[in-house]
Amino acid sequence: MRKVLIVDDDLVLLELLKMMLSKNYEVITATNGEEAVELYKRYKPDIVLMDILMPKMDGITATKIIKSMDPNAIVLAITAYAPHKGEEMLKAGALDIIEKPIKKKELIEKIEKFLSNKEKAVT
């Protein structure tokens, strides 16, 4: 089963996203960028859903670190601040932005799009 790392300091949203995705993916969760980097090293998830504004380490810094460890990492930003912070996330290495509130259908479509592109690149 493919692994998804979800990173968000909003525990309600984190649980909601986990429920949305746990049927189709192995879900790993983190509540800040620092945890995200450690969990990325440990589990090597197939895709990361990264919030931007979080305590300890923001999503922009965490994305830069993850991309420096693994240039092929797939990171998608999840944010309510897309117009303001989205550009910074893309510069940090995120491949796309998913705006909050998150719609399940859109979320799964984006995850599948990036994972199928990754699988095509490997074969």
PDB file of N, CA and C in Angstrom:
ATOM      1  N   MET A   1       0.847  -1.183   0.000  1.00  0.00           N
ATOM      2  CA  MET A   1       0.000   0.000   0.000  1.00  0.00           C
ATOM      3  C   MET A   1       0.896   1.252   0.000  1.00  0.00           C
ATOM      4  N   ARG A   2       0.528   2.217  -0.814  1.00  0.00           N
ATOM      5  CA  ARG A   2       1.318   3.451  -0.897  1.00  0.00           C
ATOM      6  C   ARG A   2       1.141   4.299   0.351  1.00  0.00           C
ATOM      7  N   LYS A   3       2.209   4.988   0.729  1.00  0.00           N
ATOM      8  CA  LYS A   3       2.222   5.770   1.967  1.00  0.00           C
ATOM      9  C   LYS A   3       2.039   7.253   1.686  1.00  0.00           C
ATOM     10  N   VAL A   4       1.187   7.883   2.504  1.00  0.00           N
ATOM     11  CA  VAL A   4       0.955   9.319   2.443  1.00  0.00           C
ATOM     12  C   VAL A   4       1.307   9.901   3.810  1.00  0.00           C
ATOM     13  N   LEU A   5       2.171  10.908   3.808  1.00  0.00           N
ATOM     14  CA  LEU A   5       2.485  11.645   5.031  1.00  0.00           C
ATOM     15  C   LEU A   5       1.673  12.933   5.008  1.00  0.00           C
ATOM     16  N   ILE A   6       0.807  13.103   6.018  1.00  0.00           N
ATOM     17  CA  ILE A   6      -0.006  14.311   6.122  1.00  0.00           C
ATOM     18  C   ILE A   6       0.566  15.147   7.260  1.00  0.00           C
ATOM     19  N   VAL A   7       0.848  16.420   6.973  1.00  0.00           N
ATOM     20  CA  VAL A   7       1.459  17.307   7.960  1.00  0.00           C
ATOM     21  C   VAL A   7       0.572  18.537   8.147  1.00  0.00           C
ATOM     22  N   ASP A   8      -0.006  18.671   9.355  1.00  0.00           N
ATOM     23  CA  ASP A   8      -0.851  19.827   9.649  1.00  0.00           C
ATOM     24  C   ASP A   8      -0.967  19.961  11.158  1.00  0.00           C
ATOM     25  N   ASP A   9      -0.920  21.183  11.668  1.00  0.00           N
ATOM     26  CA  ASP A   9      -1.036  21.394  13.108  1.00  0.00           C
ATOM     27  C   ASP A   9      -2.491  21.445  13.572  1.00  0.00           C
ATOM     28  N   ASP A  10      -3.435  21.445  12.649  1.00  0.00           N
ATOM     29  CA  ASP A  10      -4.854  21.403  12.979  1.00  0.00           C
ATOM     30  C   ASP A  10      -5.241  19.930  13.159  1.00  0.00           C
ATOM     31  N   LEU A  11      -5.382  19.497  14.408  1.00  0.00           N
ATOM     32  CA  LEU A  11      -5.621  18.081  14.696  1.00  0.00           C
ATOM     33  C   LEU A  11      -6.945  17.572  14.143  1.00  0.00           C
ATOM     34  N   VAL A  12      -7.954  18.440  14.087  1.00  0.00           N
ATOM     35  CA  VAL A  12      -9.248  18.035  13.525  1.00  0.00           C
ATOM     36  C   VAL A  12      -9.096  17.771  12.030  1.00  0.00           C
ATOM     37  N   LEU A  13      -8.440  18.677  11.335  1.00  0.00           N
ATOM     38  CA  LEU A  13      -8.221  18.492   9.902  1.00  0.00           C
ATOM     39  C   LEU A  13      -7.328  17.274   9.643  1.00  0.00           C
ATOM     40  N   LEU A  14      -6.322  17.101  10.449  1.00  0.00           N
ATOM     41  CA  LEU A  14      -5.417  15.961  10.312  1.00  0.00           C
ATOM     42  C   LEU A  14      -6.205  14.650  10.393  1.00  0.00           C
ATOM     43  N   GLU A  15      -7.088  14.555  11.377  1.00  0.00           N
ATOM     44  CA  GLU A  15      -7.901  13.346  11.547  1.00  0.00           C
ATOM     45  C   GLU A  15      -8.869  13.178  10.386  1.00  0.00           C
ATOM     46  N   LEU A  16      -9.451  14.279   9.921  1.00  0.00           N
ATOM     47  CA  LEU A  16     -10.378  14.222   8.783  1.00  0.00           C
ATOM     48  C   LEU A  16      -9.664  13.725   7.523  1.00  0.00           C
ATOM     49  N   LEU A  17      -8.478  14.266   7.256  1.00  0.00           N
ATOM     50  CA  LEU A  17      -7.705  13.828   6.086  1.00  0.00           C
ATOM     51  C   LEU A  17      -7.310  12.362   6.215  1.00  0.00           C
ATOM     52  N   LYS A  18      -6.939  11.966   7.411  1.00  0.00           N
ATOM     53  CA  LYS A  18      -6.582  10.558   7.647  1.00  0.00           C
ATOM     54  C   LYS A  18      -7.771   9.652   7.327  1.00  0.00           C
ATOM     55  N   MET A  19      -8.972  10.050   7.783  1.00  0.00           N
ATOM     56  CA  MET A  19     -10.174   9.256   7.495  1.00  0.00           C
ATOM     57  C   MET A  19     -10.457   9.217   5.989  1.00  0.00           C
ATOM     58  N   MET A  20     -10.257  10.341   5.305  1.00  0.00           N
ATOM     59  CA  MET A  20     -10.489  10.401   3.855  1.00  0.00           C
ATOM     60  C   MET A  20      -9.582   9.442   3.087  1.00  0.00           C
ATOM     61  N   LEU A  21      -8.350   9.305   3.567  1.00  0.00           N
ATOM     62  CA  LEU A  21      -7.337   8.601   2.780  1.00  0.00           C
ATOM     63  C   LEU A  21      -6.990   7.195   3.259  1.00  0.00           C
ATOM     64  N   SER A  22      -7.338   6.839   4.481  1.00  0.00           N
ATOM     65  CA  SER A  22      -6.854   5.580   5.043  1.00  0.00           C
ATOM     66  C   SER A  22      -7.415   4.332   4.368  1.00  0.00           C
ATOM     67  N   LYS A  23      -8.490   4.475   3.632  1.00  0.00           N
ATOM     68  CA  LYS A  23      -9.038   3.325   2.908  1.00  0.00           C
ATOM     69  C   LYS A  23      -8.109   2.925   1.742  1.00  0.00           C
ATOM     70  N   ASN A  24      -7.476   3.917   1.120  1.00  0.00           N
ATOM     71  CA  ASN A  24      -6.665   3.659  -0.073  1.00  0.00           C
ATOM     72  C   ASN A  24      -5.157   3.741   0.149  1.00  0.00           C
ATOM     73  N   TYR A  25      -4.740   4.306   1.270  1.00  0.00           N
ATOM     74  CA  TYR A  25      -3.309   4.537   1.506  1.00  0.00           C
ATOM     75  C   TYR A  25      -2.948   4.234   2.954  1.00  0.00           C
ATOM     76  N   GLU A  26      -1.676   3.931   3.171  1.00  0.00           N
ATOM     77  CA  GLU A  26      -1.153   3.889   4.528  1.00  0.00           C
ATOM     78  C   GLU A  26      -0.876   5.345   4.901  1.00  0.00           C
ATOM     79  N   VAL A  27      -1.483   5.819   5.974  1.00  0.00           N
ATOM     80  CA  VAL A  27      -1.394   7.228   6.339  1.00  0.00           C
ATOM     81  C   VAL A  27      -0.496   7.407   7.564  1.00  0.00           C
ATOM     82  N   ILE A  28       0.441   8.328   7.448  1.00  0.00           N
ATOM     83  CA  ILE A  28       1.333   8.715   8.529  1.00  0.00           C
ATOM     84  C   ILE A  28       1.043  10.195   8.778  1.00  0.00           C
ATOM     85  N   THR A  29       1.007  10.610  10.045  1.00  0.00           N
ATOM     86  CA  THR A  29       0.677  12.014  10.331  1.00  0.00           C
ATOM     87  C   THR A  29       1.758  12.681  11.169  1.00  0.00           C
ATOM     88  N   ALA A  30       1.888  13.987  10.957  1.00  0.00           N
ATOM     89  CA  ALA A  30       2.798  14.826  11.736  1.00  0.00           C
ATOM     90  C   ALA A  30       2.100  16.148  11.989  1.00  0.00           C
ATOM     91  N   THR A  31       2.467  16.815  13.105  1.00  0.00           N
ATOM     92  CA  THR A  31       1.795  18.066  13.449  1.00  0.00           C
ATOM     93  C   THR A  31       2.674  19.296  13.244  1.00  0.00           C
ATOM     94  N   ASN A  32       3.905  19.097  12.772  1.00  0.00           N
ATOM     95  CA  ASN A  32       4.773  20.231  12.451  1.00  0.00           C
ATOM     96  C   ASN A  32       5.868  19.785  11.487  1.00  0.00           C
ATOM     97  N   GLY A  33       6.596  20.748  10.952  1.00  0.00           N
ATOM     98  CA  GLY A  33       7.613  20.456   9.960  1.00  0.00           C
ATOM     99  C   GLY A  33       8.753  19.612  10.490  1.00  0.00           C
ATOM    100  N   GLU A  34       9.118  19.820  11.747  1.00  0.00           N
ATOM    101  CA  GLU A  34      10.196  19.043  12.360  1.00  0.00           C
ATOM    102  C   GLU A  34       9.859  17.550  12.367  1.00  0.00           C
ATOM    103  N   GLU A  35       8.648  17.240  12.828  1.00  0.00           N
ATOM    104  CA  GLU A  35       8.167  15.850  12.831  1.00  0.00           C
ATOM    105  C   GLU A  35       8.120  15.304  11.410  1.00  0.00           C
ATOM    106  N   ALA A  36       7.664  16.128  10.486  1.00  0.00           N
ATOM    107  CA  ALA A  36       7.540  15.704   9.095  1.00  0.00           C
ATOM    108  C   ALA A  36       8.875  15.234   8.530  1.00  0.00           C
ATOM    109  N   VAL A  37       9.930  15.997   8.790  1.00  0.00           N
ATOM    110  CA  VAL A  37      11.265  15.644   8.284  1.00  0.00           C
ATOM    111  C   VAL A  37      11.703  14.311   8.878  1.00  0.00           C
ATOM    112  N   GLU A  38      11.504  14.123  10.186  1.00  0.00           N
ATOM    113  CA  GLU A  38      11.895  12.871  10.839  1.00  0.00           C
ATOM    114  C   GLU A  38      11.096  11.686  10.292  1.00  0.00           C
ATOM    115  N   LEU A  39       9.794  11.873  10.137  1.00  0.00           N
ATOM    116  CA  LEU A  39       8.951  10.794   9.626  1.00  0.00           C
ATOM    117  C   LEU A  39       9.255  10.503   8.158  1.00  0.00           C
ATOM    118  N   TYR A  40       9.620  11.528   7.405  1.00  0.00           N
ATOM    119  CA  TYR A  40       9.994  11.301   6.004  1.00  0.00           C
ATOM    120  C   TYR A  40      11.238  10.408   5.941  1.00  0.00           C
ATOM    121  N   LYS A  41      12.222  10.723   6.768  1.00  0.00           N
ATOM    122  CA  LYS A  41      13.447   9.906   6.801  1.00  0.00           C
ATOM    123  C   LYS A  41      13.121   8.459   7.156  1.00  0.00           C
ATOM    124  N   ARG A  42      12.253   8.275   8.132  1.00  0.00           N
ATOM    125  CA  ARG A  42      11.954   6.938   8.643  1.00  0.00           C
ATOM    126  C   ARG A  42      11.104   6.110   7.684  1.00  0.00           C
ATOM    127  N   TYR A  43      10.052   6.708   7.108  1.00  0.00           N
ATOM    128  CA  TYR A  43       9.078   5.945   6.336  1.00  0.00           C
ATOM    129  C   TYR A  43       9.172   6.094   4.820  1.00  0.00           C
ATOM    130  N   LYS A  44       9.883   7.069   4.325  1.00  0.00           N
ATOM    131  CA  LYS A  44       9.982   7.326   2.877  1.00  0.00           C
ATOM    132  C   LYS A  44       8.612   7.238   2.194  1.00  0.00           C
ATOM    133  N   PRO A  45       7.681   8.122   2.585  1.00  0.00           N
ATOM    134  CA  PRO A  45       6.341   8.059   1.989  1.00  0.00           C
ATOM    135  C   PRO A  45       6.373   8.365   0.493  1.00  0.00           C
ATOM    136  N   ASP A  46       5.335   7.904  -0.185  1.00  0.00           N
ATOM    137  CA  ASP A  46       5.230   8.124  -1.631  1.00  0.00           C
ATOM    138  C   ASP A  46       4.843   9.565  -1.948  1.00  0.00           C
ATOM    139  N   ILE A  47       4.145  10.197  -1.020  1.00  0.00           N
ATOM    140  CA  ILE A  47       3.687  11.568  -1.238  1.00  0.00           C
ATOM    141  C   ILE A  47       3.499  12.257   0.120  1.00  0.00           C
ATOM    142  N   VAL A  48       3.703  13.569   0.148  1.00  0.00           N
ATOM    143  CA  VAL A  48       3.561  14.352   1.369  1.00  0.00           C
ATOM    144  C   VAL A  48       2.540  15.462   1.129  1.00  0.00           C
ATOM    145  N   LEU A  49       1.578  15.584   2.041  1.00  0.00           N
ATOM    146  CA  LEU A  49       0.637  16.701   2.027  1.00  0.00           C
ATOM    147  C   LEU A  49       1.079  17.626   3.152  1.00  0.00           C
ATOM    148  N   MET A  50       1.571  18.805   2.812  1.00  0.00           N
ATOM    149  CA  MET A  50       2.250  19.681   3.768  1.00  0.00           C
ATOM    150  C   MET A  50       1.515  20.998   3.972  1.00  0.00           C
ATOM    151  N   ASP A  51       1.077  21.237   5.208  1.00  0.00           N
ATOM    152  CA  ASP A  51       0.536  22.547   5.573  1.00  0.00           C
ATOM    153  C   ASP A  51       1.696  23.547   5.552  1.00  0.00           C
ATOM    154  N   ILE A  52       1.392  24.818   5.469  1.00  0.00           N
ATOM    155  CA  ILE A  52       2.461  25.819   5.395  1.00  0.00           C
ATOM    156  C   ILE A  52       2.746  26.433   6.763  1.00  0.00           C
ATOM    157  N   LEU A  53       1.724  26.978   7.410  1.00  0.00           N
ATOM    158  CA  LEU A  53       1.929  27.672   8.684  1.00  0.00           C
ATOM    159  C   LEU A  53       1.753  26.702   9.850  1.00  0.00           C
ATOM    160  N   MET A  54       2.876  26.371  10.517  1.00  0.00           N
ATOM    161  CA  MET A  54       2.864  25.432  11.643  1.00  0.00           C
ATOM    162  C   MET A  54       3.910  25.860  12.665  1.00  0.00           C
ATOM    163  N   PRO A  55       3.759  25.410  13.919  1.00  0.00           N
ATOM    164  CA  PRO A  55       4.771  25.710  14.936  1.00  0.00           C
ATOM    165  C   PRO A  55       6.039  24.876  14.732  1.00  0.00           C
ATOM    166  N   LYS A  56       7.080  25.237  15.431  1.00  0.00           N
ATOM    167  CA  LYS A  56       8.391  24.573  15.426  1.00  0.00           C
ATOM    168  C   LYS A  56       9.122  24.731  14.095  1.00  0.00           C
ATOM    169  N   MET A  57       8.528  24.251  13.012  1.00  0.00           N
ATOM    170  CA  MET A  57       9.116  24.410  11.680  1.00  0.00           C
ATOM    171  C   MET A  57       7.976  24.514  10.679  1.00  0.00           C
ATOM    172  N   ASP A  58       7.990  25.561   9.856  1.00  0.00           N
ATOM    173  CA  ASP A  58       6.905  25.727   8.885  1.00  0.00           C
ATOM    174  C   ASP A  58       7.069  24.765   7.708  1.00  0.00           C
ATOM    175  N   GLY A  59       6.024  24.705   6.901  1.00  0.00           N
ATOM    176  CA  GLY A  59       6.012  23.790   5.764  1.00  0.00           C
ATOM    177  C   GLY A  59       7.018  24.149   4.681  1.00  0.00           C
ATOM    178  N   ILE A  60       7.333  25.418   4.552  1.00  0.00           N
ATOM    179  CA  ILE A  60       8.303  25.854   3.540  1.00  0.00           C
ATOM    180  C   ILE A  60       9.682  25.303   3.887  1.00  0.00           C
ATOM    181  N   THR A  61      10.105  25.469   5.134  1.00  0.00           N
ATOM    182  CA  THR A  61      11.405  24.963   5.572  1.00  0.00           C
ATOM    183  C   THR A  61      11.446  23.440   5.500  1.00  0.00           C
ATOM    184  N   ALA A  62      10.385  22.794   5.978  1.00  0.00           N
ATOM    185  CA  ALA A  62      10.332  21.331   5.954  1.00  0.00           C
ATOM    186  C   ALA A  62      10.401  20.803   4.520  1.00  0.00           C
ATOM    187  N   THR A  63       9.709  21.463   3.601  1.00  0.00           N
ATOM    188  CA  THR A  63       9.738  21.039   2.201  1.00  0.00           C
ATOM    189  C   THR A  63      11.151  21.163   1.635  1.00  0.00           C
ATOM    190  N   LYS A  64      11.816  22.263   1.926  1.00  0.00           N
ATOM    191  CA  LYS A  64      13.201  22.439   1.445  1.00  0.00           C
ATOM    192  C   LYS A  64      14.104  21.321   1.963  1.00  0.00           C
ATOM    193  N   ILE A  65      13.965  20.971   3.245  1.00  0.00           N
ATOM    194  CA  ILE A  65      14.806  19.919   3.824  1.00  0.00           C
ATOM    195  C   ILE A  65      14.495  18.568   3.192  1.00  0.00           C
ATOM    196  N   ILE A  66      13.212  18.252   3.057  1.00  0.00           N
ATOM    197  CA  ILE A  66      12.819  16.974   2.444  1.00  0.00           C
ATOM    198  C   ILE A  66      13.328  16.897   1.011  1.00  0.00           C
ATOM    199  N   LYS A  67      13.183  17.987   0.256  1.00  0.00           N
ATOM    200  CA  LYS A  67      13.649  17.989  -1.144  1.00  0.00           C
ATOM    201  C   LYS A  67      15.174  17.897  -1.226  1.00  0.00           C
ATOM    202  N   SER A  68      15.883  18.428  -0.235  1.00  0.00           N
ATOM    203  CA  SER A  68      17.350  18.310  -0.255  1.00  0.00           C
ATOM    204  C   SER A  68      17.772  16.873   0.052  1.00  0.00           C
ATOM    205  N   MET A  69      17.001  16.160   0.876  1.00  0.00           N
ATOM    206  CA  MET A  69      17.286  14.754   1.180  1.00  0.00           C
ATOM    207  C   MET A  69      16.890  13.850   0.024  1.00  0.00           C
ATOM    208  N   ASP A  70      15.771  14.195  -0.628  1.00  0.00           N
ATOM    209  CA  ASP A  70      15.220  13.374  -1.708  1.00  0.00           C
ATOM    210  C   ASP A  70      14.650  14.300  -2.783  1.00  0.00           C
ATOM    211  N   PRO A  71      15.466  14.608  -3.800  1.00  0.00           N
ATOM    212  CA  PRO A  71      15.004  15.516  -4.857  1.00  0.00           C
ATOM    213  C   PRO A  71      13.747  15.036  -5.583  1.00  0.00           C
ATOM    214  N   ASN A  72      13.454  13.725  -5.503  1.00  0.00           N
ATOM    215  CA  ASN A  72      12.269  13.183  -6.174  1.00  0.00           C
ATOM    216  C   ASN A  72      11.035  13.152  -5.279  1.00  0.00           C
ATOM    217  N   ALA A  73      11.141  13.672  -4.071  1.00  0.00           N
ATOM    218  CA  ALA A  73      10.000  13.676  -3.151  1.00  0.00           C
ATOM    219  C   ALA A  73       8.834  14.437  -3.767  1.00  0.00           C
ATOM    220  N   ILE A  74       7.641  13.886  -3.585  1.00  0.00           N
ATOM    221  CA  ILE A  74       6.426  14.548  -4.063  1.00  0.00           C
ATOM    222  C   ILE A  74       5.788  15.235  -2.860  1.00  0.00           C
ATOM    223  N   VAL A  75       5.808  16.551  -2.866  1.00  0.00           N
ATOM    224  CA  VAL A  75       5.203  17.345  -1.790  1.00  0.00           C
ATOM    225  C   VAL A  75       4.111  18.214  -2.398  1.00  0.00           C
ATOM    226  N   LEU A  76       2.917  18.112  -1.824  1.00  0.00           N
ATOM    227  CA  LEU A  76       1.809  18.967  -2.219  1.00  0.00           C
ATOM    228  C   LEU A  76       1.470  19.848  -1.026  1.00  0.00           C
ATOM    229  N   ALA A  77       1.351  21.135  -1.253  1.00  0.00           N
ATOM    230  CA  ALA A  77       1.011  22.064  -0.179  1.00  0.00           C
ATOM    231  C   ALA A  77      -0.487  22.030   0.074  1.00  0.00           C
ATOM    232  N   ILE A  78      -0.866  22.052   1.345  1.00  0.00           N
ATOM    233  CA  ILE A  78      -2.276  22.203   1.707  1.00  0.00           C
ATOM    234  C   ILE A  78      -2.370  23.471   2.547  1.00  0.00           C
ATOM    235  N   THR A  79      -3.184  24.413   2.091  1.00  0.00           N
ATOM    236  CA  THR A  79      -3.195  25.708   2.766  1.00  0.00           C
ATOM    237  C   THR A  79      -4.477  26.497   2.533  1.00  0.00           C
ATOM    238  N   ALA A  80      -4.773  27.344   3.488  1.00  0.00           N
ATOM    239  CA  ALA A  80      -5.860  28.305   3.328  1.00  0.00           C
ATOM    240  C   ALA A  80      -5.288  29.635   2.827  1.00  0.00           C
ATOM    241  N   TYR A  81      -3.966  29.691   2.702  1.00  0.00           N
ATOM    242  CA  TYR A  81      -3.281  30.940   2.328  1.00  0.00           C
ATOM    243  C   TYR A  81      -2.612  30.855   0.958  1.00  0.00           C
ATOM    244  N   ALA A  82      -3.229  30.145   0.041  1.00  0.00           N
ATOM    245  CA  ALA A  82      -2.619  29.915  -1.267  1.00  0.00           C
ATOM    246  C   ALA A  82      -2.137  31.188  -1.961  1.00  0.00           C
ATOM    247  N   PRO A  83      -2.938  32.259  -2.010  1.00  0.00           N
ATOM    248  CA  PRO A  83      -2.456  33.442  -2.730  1.00  0.00           C
ATOM    249  C   PRO A  83      -1.202  34.062  -2.108  1.00  0.00           C
ATOM    250  N   HIS A  84      -1.059  33.937  -0.795  1.00  0.00           N
ATOM    251  CA  HIS A  84       0.061  34.585  -0.110  1.00  0.00           C
ATOM    252  C   HIS A  84       1.292  33.690   0.011  1.00  0.00           C
ATOM    253  N   LYS A  85       1.091  32.453   0.416  1.00  0.00           N
ATOM    254  CA  LYS A  85       2.213  31.568   0.735  1.00  0.00           C
ATOM    255  C   LYS A  85       2.448  30.485  -0.308  1.00  0.00           C
ATOM    256  N   GLY A  86       1.489  30.288  -1.196  1.00  0.00           N
ATOM    257  CA  GLY A  86       1.601  29.227  -2.195  1.00  0.00           C
ATOM    258  C   GLY A  86       2.842  29.347  -3.058  1.00  0.00           C
ATOM    259  N   GLU A  87       3.155  30.537  -3.477  1.00  0.00           N
ATOM    260  CA  GLU A  87       4.330  30.784  -4.325  1.00  0.00           C
ATOM    261  C   GLU A  87       5.617  30.356  -3.617  1.00  0.00           C
ATOM    262  N   GLU A  88       5.711  30.665  -2.319  1.00  0.00           N
ATOM    263  CA  GLU A  88       6.893  30.268  -1.549  1.00  0.00           C
ATOM    264  C   GLU A  88       7.019  28.745  -1.466  1.00  0.00           C
ATOM    265  N   MET A  89       5.880  28.063  -1.310  1.00  0.00           N
ATOM    266  CA  MET A  89       5.907  26.596  -1.256  1.00  0.00           C
ATOM    267  C   MET A  89       6.360  26.006  -2.588  1.00  0.00           C
ATOM    268  N   LEU A  90       5.896  26.581  -3.674  1.00  0.00           N
ATOM    269  CA  LEU A  90       6.312  26.085  -4.994  1.00  0.00           C
ATOM    270  C   LEU A  90       7.816  26.298  -5.191  1.00  0.00           C
ATOM    271  N   LYS A  91       8.325  27.449  -4.759  1.00  0.00           N
ATOM    272  CA  LYS A  91       9.761  27.711  -4.851  1.00  0.00           C
ATOM    273  C   LYS A  91      10.564  26.757  -3.968  1.00  0.00           C
ATOM    274  N   ALA A  92       9.969  26.342  -2.851  1.00  0.00           N
ATOM    275  CA  ALA A  92      10.642  25.419  -1.924  1.00  0.00           C
ATOM    276  C   ALA A  92      10.679  23.996  -2.479  1.00  0.00           C
ATOM    277  N   GLY A  93       9.816  23.713  -3.470  1.00  0.00           N
ATOM    278  CA  GLY A  93       9.838  22.387  -4.082  1.00  0.00           C
ATOM    279  C   GLY A  93       8.506  21.667  -4.126  1.00  0.00           C
ATOM    280  N   ALA A  94       7.453  22.272  -3.576  1.00  0.00           N
ATOM    281  CA  ALA A  94       6.129  21.655  -3.679  1.00  0.00           C
ATOM    282  C   ALA A  94       5.714  21.623  -5.152  1.00  0.00           C
ATOM    283  N   LEU A  95       5.007  20.580  -5.530  1.00  0.00           N
ATOM    284  CA  LEU A  95       4.616  20.424  -6.938  1.00  0.00           C
ATOM    285  C   LEU A  95       3.251  21.019  -7.247  1.00  0.00           C
ATOM    286  N   ASP A  96       2.435  21.194  -6.208  1.00  0.00           N
ATOM    287  CA  ASP A  96       1.089  21.734  -6.430  1.00  0.00           C
ATOM    288  C   ASP A  96       0.556  22.251  -5.094  1.00  0.00           C
ATOM    289  N   ILE A  97      -0.565  22.959  -5.162  1.00  0.00           N
ATOM    290  CA  ILE A  97      -1.200  23.521  -3.982  1.00  0.00           C
ATOM    291  C   ILE A  97      -2.649  23.051  -3.936  1.00  0.00           C
ATOM    292  N   ILE A  98      -3.047  22.558  -2.784  1.00  0.00           N
ATOM    293  CA  ILE A  98      -4.439  22.177  -2.555  1.00  0.00           C
ATOM    294  C   ILE A  98      -4.985  23.165  -1.531  1.00  0.00           C
ATOM    295  N   GLU A  99      -6.025  23.877  -1.914  1.00  0.00           N
ATOM    296  CA  GLU A  99      -6.569  24.907  -1.031  1.00  0.00           C
ATOM    297  C   GLU A  99      -7.568  24.325  -0.040  1.00  0.00           C
ATOM    298  N   LYS A 100      -7.482  24.836   1.185  1.00  0.00           N
ATOM    299  CA  LYS A 100      -8.474  24.491   2.210  1.00  0.00           C
ATOM    300  C   LYS A 100      -9.684  25.378   1.998  1.00  0.00           C
ATOM    301  N   PRO A 101     -10.898  24.945   2.223  1.00  0.00           N
ATOM    302  CA  PRO A 101     -11.257  23.609   2.674  1.00  0.00           C
ATOM    303  C   PRO A 101     -11.020  22.574   1.572  1.00  0.00           C
ATOM    304  N   ILE A 102     -10.568  21.412   1.985  1.00  0.00           N
ATOM    305  CA  ILE A 102     -10.169  20.361   1.045  1.00  0.00           C
ATOM    306  C   ILE A 102     -11.368  19.492   0.703  1.00  0.00           C
ATOM    307  N   LYS A 103     -11.510  19.257  -0.586  1.00  0.00           N
ATOM    308  CA  LYS A 103     -12.578  18.371  -1.069  1.00  0.00           C
ATOM    309  C   LYS A 103     -11.961  17.001  -1.351  1.00  0.00           C
ATOM    310  N   LYS A 104     -12.587  15.959  -0.830  1.00  0.00           N
ATOM    311  CA  LYS A 104     -12.048  14.600  -0.930  1.00  0.00           C
ATOM    312  C   LYS A 104     -11.761  14.198  -2.380  1.00  0.00           C
ATOM    313  N   LYS A 105     -12.696  14.435  -3.271  1.00  0.00           N
ATOM    314  CA  LYS A 105     -12.532  14.027  -4.672  1.00  0.00           C
ATOM    315  C   LYS A 105     -11.306  14.706  -5.288  1.00  0.00           C
ATOM    316  N   GLU A 106     -11.173  15.999  -5.082  1.00  0.00           N
ATOM    317  CA  GLU A 106     -10.033  16.754  -5.626  1.00  0.00           C
ATOM    318  C   GLU A 106      -8.719  16.249  -5.025  1.00  0.00           C
ATOM    319  N   LEU A 107      -8.734  16.003  -3.728  1.00  0.00           N
ATOM    320  CA  LEU A 107      -7.536  15.531  -3.041  1.00  0.00           C
ATOM    321  C   LEU A 107      -7.060  14.200  -3.609  1.00  0.00           C
ATOM    322  N   ILE A 108      -7.963  13.247  -3.723  1.00  0.00           N
ATOM    323  CA  ILE A 108      -7.591  11.924  -4.235  1.00  0.00           C
ATOM    324  C   ILE A 108      -7.162  12.011  -5.689  1.00  0.00           C
ATOM    325  N   GLU A 109      -7.837  12.829  -6.489  1.00  0.00           N
ATOM    326  CA  GLU A 109      -7.439  12.996  -7.893  1.00  0.00           C
ATOM    327  C   GLU A 109      -6.013  13.533  -8.000  1.00  0.00           C
ATOM    328  N   LYS A 110      -5.681  14.530  -7.176  1.00  0.00           N
ATOM    329  CA  LYS A 110      -4.320  15.095  -7.232  1.00  0.00           C
ATOM    330  C   LYS A 110      -3.282  14.084  -6.767  1.00  0.00           C
ATOM    331  N   ILE A 111      -3.573  13.387  -5.684  1.00  0.00           N
ATOM    332  CA  ILE A 111      -2.631  12.367  -5.197  1.00  0.00           C
ATOM    333  C   ILE A 111      -2.390  11.334  -6.280  1.00  0.00           C
ATOM    334  N   GLU A 112      -3.456  10.821  -6.866  1.00  0.00           N
ATOM    335  CA  GLU A 112      -3.324   9.790  -7.901  1.00  0.00           C
ATOM    336  C   GLU A 112      -2.566  10.300  -9.129  1.00  0.00           C
ATOM    337  N   LYS A 113      -2.824  11.547  -9.502  1.00  0.00           N
ATOM    338  CA  LYS A 113      -2.128  12.139 -10.652  1.00  0.00           C
ATOM    339  C   LYS A 113      -0.617  12.139 -10.418  1.00  0.00           C
ATOM    340  N   PHE A 114      -0.195  12.604  -9.264  1.00  0.00           N
ATOM    341  CA  PHE A 114       1.240  12.687  -8.997  1.00  0.00           C
ATOM    342  C   PHE A 114       1.865  11.316  -8.776  1.00  0.00           C
ATOM    343  N   LEU A 115       1.137  10.395  -8.142  1.00  0.00           N
ATOM    344  CA  LEU A 115       1.693   9.064  -7.946  1.00  0.00           C
ATOM    345  C   LEU A 115       1.792   8.304  -9.259  1.00  0.00           C
ATOM    346  N   SER A 116       0.805   8.472 -10.146  1.00  0.00           N
ATOM    347  CA  SER A 116       0.891   7.765 -11.433  1.00  0.00           C
ATOM    348  C   SER A 116       2.007   8.355 -12.292  1.00  0.00           C
ATOM    349  N   ASN A 117       2.228   9.672 -12.203  1.00  0.00           N
ATOM    350  CA  ASN A 117       3.356  10.279 -12.929  1.00  0.00           C
ATOM    351  C   ASN A 117       4.673   9.735 -12.403  1.00  0.00           C
ATOM    352  N   LYS A 118       4.772   9.556 -11.077  1.00  0.00           N
ATOM    353  CA  LYS A 118       5.988   9.019 -10.458  1.00  0.00           C
ATOM    354  C   LYS A 118       6.227   7.591 -10.935  1.00  0.00           C
ATOM    355  N   GLU A 119       5.156   6.790 -10.959  1.00  0.00           N
ATOM    356  CA  GLU A 119       5.294   5.399 -11.387  1.00  0.00           C
ATOM    357  C   GLU A 119       5.696   5.313 -12.858  1.00  0.00           C
ATOM    358  N   LYS A 120       5.152   6.194 -13.690  1.00  0.00           N
ATOM    359  CA  LYS A 120       5.533   6.221 -15.106  1.00  0.00           C
ATOM    360  C   LYS A 120       7.005   6.573 -15.269  1.00  0.00           C
ATOM    361  N   ALA A 121       7.486   7.495 -14.454  1.00  0.00           N
ATOM    362  CA  ALA A 121       8.883   7.929 -14.533  1.00  0.00           C
ATOM    363  C   ALA A 121       9.842   6.807 -14.134  1.00  0.00           C
ATOM    364  N   VAL A 122       9.406   5.942 -13.220  1.00  0.00           N
ATOM    365  CA  VAL A 122      10.252   4.849 -12.749  1.00  0.00           C
ATOM    366  C   VAL A 122      10.342   3.740 -13.778  1.00  0.00           C
ATOM    367  N   THR A 123       9.248   3.495 -14.498  1.00  0.00           N
ATOM    368  CA  THR A 123       9.256   2.384 -15.469  1.00  0.00           C
ATOM    369  C   THR A 123       9.856   2.779 -16.797  1.00  0.00           C
TER     370      THR A 123
END
